[in-house]
Every structure is written in C-alpha cells, then in structure tokens.
C-alpha cells in the first residue's frame, strides 16, 4: 500500500548521497521518511510532489555525526553489503557444472577476483574490484 503524501517538511542528503524527505501522510502517519521511488503508477503522485518540492527548496547537506572509528565501521559495513550483493549476482549463481568446465586460467582469475572481494571490505584504501570476463 502506498500512502499519499500530504505535507513535505524537509529534504536532506543521506550518507550515500540519496535525498531523503521528511513527510506526513494524512493525520495518522506523521514524520515518515521517504525518497523518490520507481516511476510506477502507484508512486506517480508522491514522486511529482517530491520533485516539485526540490524545485523550490534546498536539500540540506549530510551531517556526519559519527566518530572516525564509527565512520570506518560504517564504511566496512557498506562494503560488506556491496560484496554480498555482488556475490549474489555473480559467484553464487555459478554451479558445479559451469565451474568444472572452466579453464585453468579462468579458475585462477575467478579465485583472484573472489579473494579481492573478500579483502575489499576490511581494506578501506582499496578500490572496488573490477568484474572479470566470465561475469
């Protein structure tokens, strides 16, 4: 069920750079956070209101209230989530038959890629590993 927005109070960037709105949806649903959703028929009314709000209002910047240690923990968490999502679309879809048909060089490349992703969350200086040719 999609609630219809009745009042938009503010818009602020979150830590990922997405715009989050503080809205009311009637009298029963106050101070709800939302964002612009996929342009499906059920979202068109709310999306139009949110976009109109953006045209005449300023989006507040993201204010980081985390300590350096908390920021690092949060970044590690985000990187772990990114890795989980990447593996679910790639590595987790490989079946034993496909793996057994891979060449030695493809297996080495796959293992190196997998290890790079396993190391990625905990090494905050590293870049996100690039996809390999089999994906």
N, C-alpha and C. Protein backbone atom coordinates (compact mmCIF):
# COMPACT_ATOMS: atom_id res chain seq x y z
N UNK A 1 0.84 -1.17 0.00
CA UNK A 1 0.00 0.00 0.00
C UNK A 1 0.90 1.24 0.00
N UNK A 2 0.58 2.18 -0.83
CA UNK A 2 1.32 3.43 -0.90
C UNK A 2 0.49 4.52 -0.25
N UNK A 3 1.07 5.17 0.74
CA UNK A 3 0.40 6.29 1.40
C UNK A 3 0.60 7.54 0.56
N UNK A 4 -0.42 8.40 0.50
CA UNK A 4 -0.29 9.65 -0.23
C UNK A 4 0.30 10.72 0.67
N UNK A 5 1.30 11.38 0.17
CA UNK A 5 1.96 12.45 0.92
C UNK A 5 1.03 13.66 0.98
N UNK A 6 0.87 14.19 2.20
CA UNK A 6 0.06 15.40 2.36
C UNK A 6 0.93 16.63 2.63
N UNK A 7 2.06 16.44 3.32
CA UNK A 7 2.95 17.55 3.65
C UNK A 7 4.39 17.10 3.54
N UNK A 8 5.24 17.94 2.95
CA UNK A 8 6.67 17.67 2.90
C UNK A 8 7.36 18.70 3.79
N UNK A 9 8.09 18.23 4.80
CA UNK A 9 8.73 19.13 5.75
C UNK A 9 10.14 19.52 5.32
N UNK A 10 10.91 18.53 4.86
CA UNK A 10 12.30 18.83 4.54
C UNK A 10 12.88 17.74 3.65
N UNK A 11 14.06 18.05 3.11
CA UNK A 11 14.82 17.07 2.32
C UNK A 11 16.27 17.18 2.75
N UNK A 12 16.92 16.03 2.90
CA UNK A 12 18.31 16.01 3.35
C UNK A 12 19.03 14.88 2.61
N UNK A 13 20.30 15.11 2.31
CA UNK A 13 21.11 14.04 1.74
C UNK A 13 21.48 13.05 2.83
N UNK A 14 21.46 11.75 2.50
CA UNK A 14 21.94 10.76 3.46
C UNK A 14 23.41 10.45 3.18
N UNK A 15 23.97 9.51 3.91
CA UNK A 15 25.40 9.21 3.79
C UNK A 15 25.77 8.65 2.43
N UNK A 16 24.79 8.16 1.67
CA UNK A 16 25.06 7.61 0.34
C UNK A 16 24.78 8.61 -0.77
N UNK A 17 24.41 9.84 -0.39
CA UNK A 17 24.15 10.87 -1.37
C UNK A 17 22.74 10.85 -1.93
N UNK A 18 21.86 10.05 -1.34
CA UNK A 18 20.47 10.00 -1.78
C UNK A 18 19.67 11.04 -1.00
N UNK A 19 18.63 11.55 -1.62
CA UNK A 19 17.79 12.55 -0.96
C UNK A 19 16.69 11.84 -0.19
N UNK A 20 16.60 12.16 1.09
CA UNK A 20 15.59 11.60 1.97
C UNK A 20 14.66 12.73 2.40
N UNK A 21 13.36 12.50 2.29
CA UNK A 21 12.35 13.51 2.63
C UNK A 21 11.67 13.15 3.94
N UNK A 22 11.35 14.16 4.72
CA UNK A 22 10.54 14.01 5.93
C UNK A 22 9.14 14.48 5.57
N UNK A 23 8.17 13.58 5.62
CA UNK A 23 6.83 13.89 5.13
C UNK A 23 5.75 13.44 6.12
N UNK A 24 4.56 13.97 5.91
CA UNK A 24 3.36 13.48 6.58
C UNK A 24 2.46 12.88 5.51
N UNK A 25 1.75 11.84 5.90
CA UNK A 25 0.76 11.23 5.01
C UNK A 25 -0.56 11.21 5.77
N UNK A 26 -1.27 12.31 5.65
CA UNK A 26 -2.51 12.45 6.41
C UNK A 26 -2.20 12.73 7.87
N UNK A 27 -3.21 12.54 8.72
CA UNK A 27 -3.05 12.82 10.14
C UNK A 27 -2.54 11.63 10.93
N UNK A 28 -2.64 10.43 10.35
CA UNK A 28 -2.27 9.22 11.08
C UNK A 28 -0.82 8.81 10.89
N UNK A 29 -0.18 9.32 9.86
CA UNK A 29 1.19 8.92 9.54
C UNK A 29 2.06 10.17 9.44
N UNK A 30 2.64 10.55 10.58
CA UNK A 30 3.42 11.78 10.66
C UNK A 30 4.91 11.48 10.72
N UNK A 31 5.69 12.41 10.18
CA UNK A 31 7.16 12.33 10.22
C UNK A 31 7.70 11.01 9.67
N UNK A 32 7.28 10.69 8.47
CA UNK A 32 7.74 9.49 7.77
C UNK A 32 8.90 9.90 6.86
N UNK A 33 9.90 9.04 6.76
CA UNK A 33 10.97 9.31 5.81
C UNK A 33 10.71 8.52 4.54
N UNK A 34 10.98 9.15 3.42
CA UNK A 34 10.78 8.50 2.13
C UNK A 34 11.76 9.09 1.12
N UNK A 35 11.74 8.53 -0.06
CA UNK A 35 12.57 9.04 -1.15
C UNK A 35 11.76 8.91 -2.43
N UNK A 36 12.29 9.46 -3.51
CA UNK A 36 11.63 9.31 -4.80
C UNK A 36 11.76 7.84 -5.20
N UNK A 37 10.64 7.24 -5.54
CA UNK A 37 10.57 5.82 -5.85
C UNK A 37 10.55 5.59 -7.36
N UNK A 38 10.60 4.33 -7.76
CA UNK A 38 10.49 3.97 -9.18
C UNK A 38 9.19 4.55 -9.72
N UNK A 39 9.22 5.01 -10.97
CA UNK A 39 8.03 5.65 -11.56
C UNK A 39 6.98 4.63 -11.96
N UNK A 40 6.43 3.97 -10.97
CA UNK A 40 5.30 3.06 -11.18
C UNK A 40 4.02 3.86 -10.96
N UNK A 41 2.91 3.42 -11.53
CA UNK A 41 1.66 4.19 -11.37
C UNK A 41 1.33 4.55 -9.92
N UNK A 42 1.58 3.63 -8.99
CA UNK A 42 1.24 3.89 -7.59
C UNK A 42 2.12 4.97 -6.96
N UNK A 43 3.27 5.27 -7.55
CA UNK A 43 4.20 6.25 -6.99
C UNK A 43 4.16 7.61 -7.67
N UNK A 44 3.44 7.74 -8.77
CA UNK A 44 3.48 8.96 -9.57
C UNK A 44 3.06 10.20 -8.80
N UNK A 45 2.00 10.10 -8.01
CA UNK A 45 1.52 11.27 -7.24
C UNK A 45 2.60 11.75 -6.27
N UNK A 46 3.12 10.83 -5.46
CA UNK A 46 4.13 11.20 -4.47
C UNK A 46 5.42 11.69 -5.13
N UNK A 47 5.85 11.01 -6.18
CA UNK A 47 7.07 11.43 -6.87
C UNK A 47 6.94 12.84 -7.42
N UNK A 48 5.78 13.16 -7.98
CA UNK A 48 5.55 14.51 -8.52
C UNK A 48 5.65 15.55 -7.42
N UNK A 49 5.06 15.26 -6.25
CA UNK A 49 5.14 16.20 -5.13
C UNK A 49 6.58 16.38 -4.65
N UNK A 50 7.32 15.29 -4.56
CA UNK A 50 8.70 15.37 -4.09
C UNK A 50 9.58 16.13 -5.07
N UNK A 51 9.39 15.89 -6.36
CA UNK A 51 10.18 16.62 -7.37
C UNK A 51 9.83 18.11 -7.36
N UNK A 52 8.55 18.42 -7.18
CA UNK A 52 8.13 19.82 -7.11
C UNK A 52 8.75 20.50 -5.89
N UNK A 53 8.82 19.78 -4.78
CA UNK A 53 9.46 20.32 -3.57
C UNK A 53 10.92 20.66 -3.85
N UNK A 54 11.61 19.79 -4.58
CA UNK A 54 13.02 20.01 -4.88
C UNK A 54 13.25 21.25 -5.74
N UNK A 55 12.28 21.58 -6.59
CA UNK A 55 12.43 22.73 -7.47
C UNK A 55 12.45 24.05 -6.71
N UNK A 56 11.78 24.09 -5.55
CA UNK A 56 11.69 25.37 -4.84
C UNK A 56 12.27 25.33 -3.43
N UNK A 57 12.93 24.25 -3.07
CA UNK A 57 13.51 24.13 -1.73
C UNK A 57 14.92 23.57 -1.81
N UNK A 58 15.70 23.90 -0.82
CA UNK A 58 17.08 23.45 -0.76
C UNK A 58 17.17 22.12 -0.02
N UNK A 59 18.00 21.23 -0.54
CA UNK A 59 18.24 19.96 0.13
C UNK A 59 19.37 20.19 1.14
N UNK A 60 19.12 19.81 2.38
CA UNK A 60 20.11 20.00 3.44
C UNK A 60 21.26 19.02 3.26
N UNK A 61 22.49 19.46 3.52
CA UNK A 61 23.63 18.57 3.36
C UNK A 61 23.64 17.47 4.42
N UNK A 62 24.32 16.40 4.10
CA UNK A 62 24.51 15.32 5.07
C UNK A 62 25.47 15.77 6.14
N UNK A 63 25.10 15.57 7.39
CA UNK A 63 25.97 15.92 8.52
C UNK A 63 26.39 14.63 9.18
N UNK A 64 27.67 14.39 9.16
CA UNK A 64 28.20 13.16 9.72
C UNK A 64 28.47 13.37 11.21
N UNK A 65 27.74 12.64 12.03
CA UNK A 65 27.89 12.77 13.47
C UNK A 65 28.64 11.58 14.07
N UNK A 66 29.28 10.80 13.22
CA UNK A 66 29.99 9.61 13.67
C UNK A 66 31.45 9.93 13.96
N UNK A 67 32.00 9.23 14.94
CA UNK A 67 33.44 9.34 15.20
C UNK A 67 34.19 8.67 14.06
N UNK A 68 35.49 8.86 13.99
CA UNK A 68 36.30 8.22 12.94
C UNK A 68 36.15 6.71 12.99
N UNK A 69 36.17 6.14 14.19
CA UNK A 69 36.02 4.69 14.32
C UNK A 69 34.64 4.24 13.84
N UNK A 70 33.60 4.99 14.19
CA UNK A 70 32.25 4.65 13.74
C UNK A 70 32.13 4.81 12.22
N UNK A 71 32.79 5.83 11.67
CA UNK A 71 32.77 6.01 10.22
C UNK A 71 33.41 4.82 9.52
N UNK A 72 34.54 4.37 10.06
CA UNK A 72 35.22 3.21 9.47
C UNK A 72 34.35 1.96 9.57
N UNK A 73 33.72 1.75 10.72
CA UNK A 73 32.83 0.60 10.89
C UNK A 73 31.67 0.66 9.90
N UNK A 74 31.13 1.87 9.72
CA UNK A 74 30.03 2.04 8.78
C UNK A 74 30.49 1.78 7.35
N UNK A 75 31.65 2.26 7.00
CA UNK A 75 32.20 2.03 5.65
C UNK A 75 32.44 0.54 5.43
N UNK A 76 32.96 -0.15 6.42
CA UNK A 76 33.17 -1.60 6.31
C UNK A 76 31.83 -2.31 6.11
N UNK A 77 30.83 -1.90 6.87
CA UNK A 77 29.50 -2.48 6.72
C UNK A 77 28.97 -2.26 5.30
N UNK A 78 29.08 -1.04 4.78
CA UNK A 78 28.60 -0.74 3.43
C UNK A 78 29.34 -1.58 2.39
N UNK A 79 30.63 -1.75 2.58
CA UNK A 79 31.44 -2.55 1.66
C UNK A 79 31.04 -4.04 1.75
N UNK A 80 30.74 -4.52 2.94
CA UNK A 80 30.29 -5.90 3.09
C UNK A 80 28.96 -6.11 2.38
N UNK A 81 28.07 -5.13 2.51
CA UNK A 81 26.77 -5.21 1.83
C UNK A 81 26.96 -5.21 0.31
N UNK A 82 27.87 -4.38 -0.17
CA UNK A 82 28.16 -4.32 -1.60
C UNK A 82 28.71 -5.66 -2.08
N UNK A 83 29.60 -6.26 -1.29
CA UNK A 83 30.17 -7.56 -1.63
C UNK A 83 29.08 -8.64 -1.67
N UNK A 84 28.21 -8.64 -0.68
CA UNK A 84 27.12 -9.61 -0.63
C UNK A 84 26.24 -9.49 -1.87
N UNK A 85 25.91 -8.27 -2.23
CA UNK A 85 25.09 -8.04 -3.43
C UNK A 85 25.81 -8.51 -4.69
N UNK A 86 27.11 -8.19 -4.79
CA UNK A 86 27.90 -8.59 -5.96
C UNK A 86 27.97 -10.11 -6.06
N UNK A 87 28.24 -10.78 -4.95
CA UNK A 87 28.33 -12.25 -4.97
C UNK A 87 26.98 -12.88 -5.32
N UNK A 88 25.89 -12.28 -4.86
CA UNK A 88 24.57 -12.85 -5.14
C UNK A 88 24.24 -12.80 -6.62
N UNK A 89 24.83 -11.85 -7.34
CA UNK A 89 24.56 -11.71 -8.77
C UNK A 89 25.62 -12.40 -9.64
N UNK A 90 26.68 -12.89 -9.01
CA UNK A 90 27.78 -13.47 -9.80
C UNK A 90 28.18 -14.84 -9.24
N UNK A 91 29.01 -14.83 -8.25
CA UNK A 91 29.61 -16.05 -7.71
C UNK A 91 28.57 -17.06 -7.23
N UNK A 92 27.55 -16.60 -6.56
CA UNK A 92 26.53 -17.51 -6.03
C UNK A 92 25.72 -18.19 -7.13
N UNK A 93 25.75 -17.65 -8.33
CA UNK A 93 24.99 -18.23 -9.44
C UNK A 93 25.78 -19.29 -10.20
N UNK A 94 27.07 -19.41 -9.91
CA UNK A 94 27.88 -20.43 -10.58
C UNK A 94 27.52 -21.80 -10.02
N UNK A 95 27.30 -22.75 -10.91
CA UNK A 95 27.02 -24.11 -10.44
C UNK A 95 28.23 -25.00 -10.71
N UNK A 96 28.29 -26.16 -10.08
CA UNK A 96 29.45 -27.04 -10.23
C UNK A 96 29.75 -27.41 -11.69
N UNK A 97 28.72 -27.58 -12.50
CA UNK A 97 28.93 -27.93 -13.91
C UNK A 97 29.66 -26.81 -14.65
N UNK A 98 29.26 -25.58 -14.40
CA UNK A 98 29.89 -24.43 -15.04
C UNK A 98 31.34 -24.31 -14.57
N UNK A 99 31.56 -24.44 -13.27
CA UNK A 99 32.91 -24.31 -12.72
C UNK A 99 33.82 -25.40 -13.28
N UNK A 100 33.31 -26.64 -13.39
CA UNK A 100 34.14 -27.74 -13.90
C UNK A 100 34.49 -27.55 -15.37
N UNK A 101 33.73 -26.74 -16.08
CA UNK A 101 34.01 -26.51 -17.50
C UNK A 101 34.97 -25.33 -17.72
N UNK A 102 35.36 -24.67 -16.64
CA UNK A 102 36.25 -23.50 -16.78
C UNK A 102 37.69 -23.96 -16.97
N UNK A 103 38.43 -23.15 -17.71
CA UNK A 103 39.85 -23.43 -17.94
C UNK A 103 40.65 -23.10 -16.68
N UNK A 104 41.88 -23.55 -16.65
CA UNK A 104 42.76 -23.27 -15.50
C UNK A 104 42.94 -21.77 -15.30
N UNK A 105 43.13 -21.03 -16.39
CA UNK A 105 43.33 -19.58 -16.26
C UNK A 105 42.04 -18.90 -15.78
N UNK A 106 40.89 -19.36 -16.23
CA UNK A 106 39.62 -18.79 -15.75
C UNK A 106 39.43 -19.06 -14.26
N UNK A 107 39.79 -20.26 -13.82
CA UNK A 107 39.68 -20.57 -12.39
C UNK A 107 40.62 -19.70 -11.56
N UNK A 108 41.83 -19.49 -12.04
CA UNK A 108 42.77 -18.62 -11.33
C UNK A 108 42.24 -17.19 -11.26
N UNK A 109 41.69 -16.73 -12.38
CA UNK A 109 41.12 -15.38 -12.42
C UNK A 109 39.93 -15.27 -11.46
N UNK A 110 39.08 -16.29 -11.45
CA UNK A 110 37.91 -16.31 -10.55
C UNK A 110 38.36 -16.30 -9.09
N UNK A 111 39.33 -17.12 -8.75
CA UNK A 111 39.81 -17.17 -7.37
C UNK A 111 40.45 -15.85 -6.94
N UNK A 112 41.20 -15.22 -7.82
CA UNK A 112 41.81 -13.92 -7.51
C UNK A 112 40.74 -12.85 -7.32
N UNK A 113 39.73 -12.87 -8.18
CA UNK A 113 38.63 -11.92 -8.09
C UNK A 113 37.87 -12.11 -6.78
N UNK A 114 37.57 -13.38 -6.45
CA UNK A 114 36.87 -13.70 -5.21
C UNK A 114 37.67 -13.21 -4.01
N UNK A 115 38.97 -13.45 -3.99
CA UNK A 115 39.81 -13.03 -2.88
C UNK A 115 39.86 -11.51 -2.77
N UNK A 116 39.90 -10.84 -3.90
CA UNK A 116 39.90 -9.38 -3.88
C UNK A 116 38.62 -8.85 -3.23
N UNK A 117 37.48 -9.48 -3.55
CA UNK A 117 36.22 -9.08 -2.94
C UNK A 117 36.17 -9.43 -1.45
N UNK A 118 36.74 -10.57 -1.07
CA UNK A 118 36.78 -10.94 0.35
C UNK A 118 37.62 -9.94 1.15
N UNK A 119 38.69 -9.43 0.55
CA UNK A 119 39.57 -8.47 1.22
C UNK A 119 39.03 -7.04 1.18
N UNK A 120 38.22 -6.74 0.20
CA UNK A 120 37.75 -5.37 -0.06
C UNK A 120 37.13 -4.66 1.16
N UNK A 121 36.20 -5.27 1.90
CA UNK A 121 35.58 -4.51 3.00
C UNK A 121 36.55 -4.04 4.08
N UNK A 122 37.53 -4.83 4.39
CA UNK A 122 38.41 -4.50 5.51
C UNK A 122 39.61 -3.64 5.12
N UNK A 123 39.84 -3.46 3.84
CA UNK A 123 40.93 -2.60 3.39
C UNK A 123 40.32 -1.33 2.81
N UNK A 124 40.16 -0.32 3.65
CA UNK A 124 39.46 0.89 3.24
C UNK A 124 40.22 1.71 2.20
N UNK A 125 41.48 1.37 1.96
CA UNK A 125 42.26 2.06 0.93
C UNK A 125 42.09 1.42 -0.45
N UNK A 126 41.49 0.24 -0.49
CA UNK A 126 41.37 -0.48 -1.77
C UNK A 126 40.17 0.01 -2.57
N UNK A 127 40.30 -0.13 -3.88
CA UNK A 127 39.20 0.19 -4.79
C UNK A 127 38.33 -1.05 -4.96
N UNK A 128 37.09 -0.82 -5.37
CA UNK A 128 36.19 -1.94 -5.63
C UNK A 128 36.76 -2.79 -6.76
N UNK A 129 36.85 -4.13 -6.56
CA UNK A 129 37.39 -4.99 -7.62
C UNK A 129 36.55 -4.91 -8.90
N UNK A 130 37.24 -4.94 -10.04
CA UNK A 130 36.53 -4.89 -11.33
C UNK A 130 36.05 -6.28 -11.68
N UNK A 131 34.90 -6.32 -12.38
CA UNK A 131 34.35 -7.60 -12.79
C UNK A 131 35.29 -8.29 -13.77
N UNK A 132 35.23 -9.60 -13.75
CA UNK A 132 36.04 -10.40 -14.68
C UNK A 132 35.20 -10.81 -15.86
N UNK A 133 35.83 -11.32 -16.90
CA UNK A 133 35.16 -11.57 -18.17
C UNK A 133 34.02 -12.59 -18.08
N UNK A 134 34.08 -13.55 -17.16
CA UNK A 134 33.01 -14.56 -17.12
C UNK A 134 31.69 -13.98 -16.58
N UNK A 135 31.74 -12.81 -15.99
CA UNK A 135 30.52 -12.18 -15.49
C UNK A 135 30.11 -11.09 -16.45
